[in-house]
């Protein structure tokens, strides 16, 4: 899964999502090899504020719970502070981790289908390699939040809609 929070947060208005249900829903009709979840933990300064501590604690609890699901793997990037007050932090390494996993799994023949939850065109090169290695790439996205290049490159597309959201809510 790619930028899940970025993609879903604008659409679902803080609904709580059952990630196991989402994974099961997306992998219907095929055996799930593994669900990878990519994220950068929240920023915490050297002298953390109570809010920073709470964010980190909440994320730790969330990731712990994800790791308890069968065949779930969490991959962590890093959060870097920026000088842009509109976007004070940026994730680093998450796109690369997902791309490496997609390429490695497809080249090894470990998967015959990959389902990405993203809209970012940065994944296009990895998708091309996966497709060249006979991996069918399915995209879960919301059209207005997805690059045209990624949308057209993927073999199949599943749109985020109210039916899907209702199926995966807690």
Protein backbone atom coordinates (compact mmCIF):
# COMPACT_ATOMS: atom_id res chain seq x y z
CA UNK A 1 0.00 0.00 0.00
CA UNK A 2 1.28 3.41 -0.89
CA UNK A 3 0.25 6.77 0.51
CA UNK A 4 -2.90 5.44 2.16
CA UNK A 5 -3.51 8.29 4.58
CA UNK A 6 -2.85 10.95 1.96
CA UNK A 7 -5.17 9.31 -0.51
CA UNK A 8 -7.98 8.36 1.85
CA UNK A 9 -7.99 11.28 4.28
CA UNK A 10 -9.43 13.70 1.76
CA UNK A 11 -12.14 11.22 0.82
CA UNK A 12 -13.36 9.42 3.93
CA UNK A 13 -13.56 12.25 6.46
CA UNK A 14 -11.73 10.50 9.31
CA UNK A 15 -13.64 7.22 9.07
CA UNK A 16 -11.78 4.48 10.87
CA UNK A 17 -10.64 1.80 8.46
CA UNK A 18 -10.18 -1.90 9.13
CA UNK A 19 -6.96 -2.62 7.24
CA UNK A 20 -7.44 -6.38 7.32
CA UNK A 21 -10.88 -5.95 5.72
CA UNK A 22 -9.36 -3.64 3.10
CA UNK A 23 -6.61 -6.12 2.30
CA UNK A 24 -9.10 -9.00 2.13
CA UNK A 25 -11.46 -6.98 -0.06
CA UNK A 26 -8.72 -6.05 -2.51
CA UNK A 27 -7.26 -9.54 -2.71
CA UNK A 28 -10.55 -11.31 -3.41
CA UNK A 29 -10.08 -14.04 -5.94
CA UNK A 30 -6.40 -14.58 -5.21
CA UNK A 31 -4.25 -15.68 -2.31
CA UNK A 32 -2.70 -12.76 -0.48
CA UNK A 33 1.08 -13.13 -0.35
CA UNK A 34 1.52 -10.21 2.02
CA UNK A 35 0.21 -6.73 2.70
CA UNK A 36 2.93 -4.12 2.96
CA UNK A 37 2.18 -0.84 4.70
CA UNK A 38 4.59 2.06 4.09
CA UNK A 39 4.70 5.09 6.33
CA UNK A 40 7.03 7.50 8.09
CA UNK A 41 6.58 7.76 11.85
CA UNK A 42 5.60 11.19 13.17
CA UNK A 43 8.28 13.77 13.81
CA UNK A 44 9.54 14.01 17.35
CA UNK A 45 11.96 16.75 18.39
CA UNK A 46 14.86 16.15 20.76
CA UNK A 47 12.79 17.71 23.53
CA UNK A 48 9.39 16.33 22.49
CA UNK A 49 6.23 18.22 23.25
CA UNK A 50 3.27 16.38 24.79
CA UNK A 51 1.56 16.50 21.37
CA UNK A 52 4.61 14.93 19.69
CA UNK A 53 4.75 12.20 22.32
CA UNK A 54 1.05 11.47 21.83
CA UNK A 55 1.40 11.29 18.04
CA UNK A 56 4.34 8.92 18.34
CA UNK A 57 2.55 6.79 20.93
CA UNK A 58 -0.61 6.63 18.78
CA UNK A 59 1.43 5.65 15.72
CA UNK A 60 3.36 3.01 17.66
CA UNK A 61 0.07 1.48 18.84
CA UNK A 62 -1.40 1.61 15.32
CA UNK A 63 1.68 -0.05 13.78
CA UNK A 64 1.79 -2.66 16.54
CA UNK A 65 -1.82 -3.58 15.77
CA UNK A 66 -1.13 -3.76 12.02
CA UNK A 67 1.77 -6.11 12.63
CA UNK A 68 -0.57 -8.48 14.48
CA UNK A 69 -2.57 -9.18 11.33
CA UNK A 70 -1.55 -12.28 9.39
CA UNK A 71 0.81 -11.52 6.51
CA UNK A 72 1.15 -7.80 7.25
CA UNK A 73 4.51 -6.10 7.00
CA UNK A 74 5.26 -2.50 8.01
CA UNK A 75 8.02 -0.60 6.22
CA UNK A 76 9.18 2.65 7.80
CA UNK A 77 10.58 5.69 6.06
CA UNK A 78 11.69 8.87 7.78
CA UNK A 79 10.02 12.21 8.29
CA UNK A 80 12.14 15.23 7.51
CA UNK A 81 11.48 18.80 8.59
CA UNK A 82 11.21 21.35 5.78
CA UNK A 83 11.33 25.14 5.66
CA UNK A 84 7.89 25.30 4.05
CA UNK A 85 5.27 26.42 6.57
CA UNK A 86 2.47 24.99 4.36
CA UNK A 87 4.07 21.54 4.41
CA UNK A 88 6.41 21.46 7.41
CA UNK A 89 7.38 17.77 6.99
CA UNK A 90 7.98 15.38 4.13
CA UNK A 91 8.29 11.62 4.00
CA UNK A 92 11.60 10.27 2.80
CA UNK A 93 12.32 6.76 1.62
CA UNK A 94 8.76 5.45 1.52
CA UNK A 95 8.43 5.54 -2.27
CA UNK A 96 11.81 3.86 -2.68
CA UNK A 97 10.92 1.10 -0.19
CA UNK A 98 7.67 0.35 -2.02
CA UNK A 99 9.37 0.42 -5.41
CA UNK A 100 12.16 -1.92 -4.27
CA UNK A 101 9.67 -4.39 -2.80
CA UNK A 102 7.49 -4.33 -5.92
CA UNK A 103 10.46 -4.91 -8.22
CA UNK A 104 12.07 -7.61 -6.04
CA UNK A 105 8.85 -9.56 -5.54
CA UNK A 106 7.99 -9.47 -9.23
CA UNK A 107 11.50 -10.35 -10.44
CA UNK A 108 11.70 -13.30 -8.01
CA UNK A 109 8.29 -14.51 -9.18
CA UNK A 110 6.97 -14.32 -5.61
CA UNK A 111 3.81 -12.53 -6.77
CA UNK A 112 1.69 -12.64 -9.87
CA UNK A 113 -0.45 -9.66 -8.84
CA UNK A 114 0.30 -6.47 -6.92
CA UNK A 115 -2.27 -4.02 -5.61
CA UNK A 116 -1.08 -0.46 -5.03
CA UNK A 117 -2.94 2.13 -2.98
CA UNK A 118 -1.53 5.38 -4.27
CA UNK A 119 -1.81 8.01 -6.96
CA UNK A 120 1.84 8.97 -7.24
CA UNK A 121 3.56 8.81 -10.63
CA UNK A 122 6.89 8.14 -8.86
CA UNK A 123 5.87 4.47 -8.89
CA UNK A 124 5.61 4.23 -12.69
CA UNK A 125 9.14 2.85 -13.26
CA UNK A 126 8.60 0.10 -10.65
CA UNK A 127 5.19 -0.71 -12.14
CA UNK A 128 6.77 -1.07 -15.58
CA UNK A 129 9.39 -3.50 -14.23
CA UNK A 130 6.72 -5.51 -12.41
CA UNK A 131 4.60 -5.70 -15.55
CA UNK A 132 7.65 -6.75 -17.60
CA UNK A 133 8.00 -9.63 -15.14
CA UNK A 134 4.41 -10.83 -15.69
CA UNK A 135 2.98 -9.23 -12.54
CA UNK A 136 -0.51 -7.81 -12.98
CA UNK A 137 -0.64 -4.42 -11.28
CA UNK A 138 -3.95 -3.28 -9.87
CA UNK A 139 -4.39 0.28 -8.63
CA UNK A 140 -6.74 1.36 -5.85
CA UNK A 141 -7.21 5.07 -6.22
CA UNK A 142 -9.49 8.04 -6.50
CA UNK A 143 -9.30 9.46 -10.05
CA UNK A 144 -8.90 13.13 -9.15
CA UNK A 145 -6.00 12.22 -6.84
CA UNK A 146 -4.09 9.99 -9.25
CA UNK A 147 -1.57 10.85 -11.92
CA UNK A 148 -2.80 10.13 -15.44
CA UNK A 149 0.42 8.26 -16.18
CA UNK A 150 0.04 5.83 -13.27
CA UNK A 151 -3.69 5.42 -13.90
CA UNK A 152 -3.17 4.42 -17.53
CA UNK A 153 -0.09 2.29 -16.81
CA UNK A 154 -1.71 -0.07 -14.31
CA UNK A 155 -3.45 -3.17 -15.64
CA UNK A 156 -6.58 -2.82 -13.51
CA UNK A 157 -8.12 -0.05 -11.46
CA UNK A 158 -10.41 -0.10 -8.44
CA UNK A 159 -12.03 3.18 -7.54
CA UNK A 160 -12.45 4.28 -3.97
CA UNK A 161 -16.17 4.82 -3.57
CA UNK A 162 -18.79 4.77 -0.83
CA UNK A 163 -19.46 1.04 -1.30
CA UNK A 164 -15.79 0.21 -0.68
CA UNK A 165 -15.55 2.58 2.27
CA UNK A 166 -18.65 1.06 3.86
CA UNK A 167 -17.18 -2.44 3.49
CA UNK A 168 -13.91 -1.55 5.22
CA UNK A 169 -15.06 0.70 8.05
CA UNK A 170 -14.53 -0.39 11.64
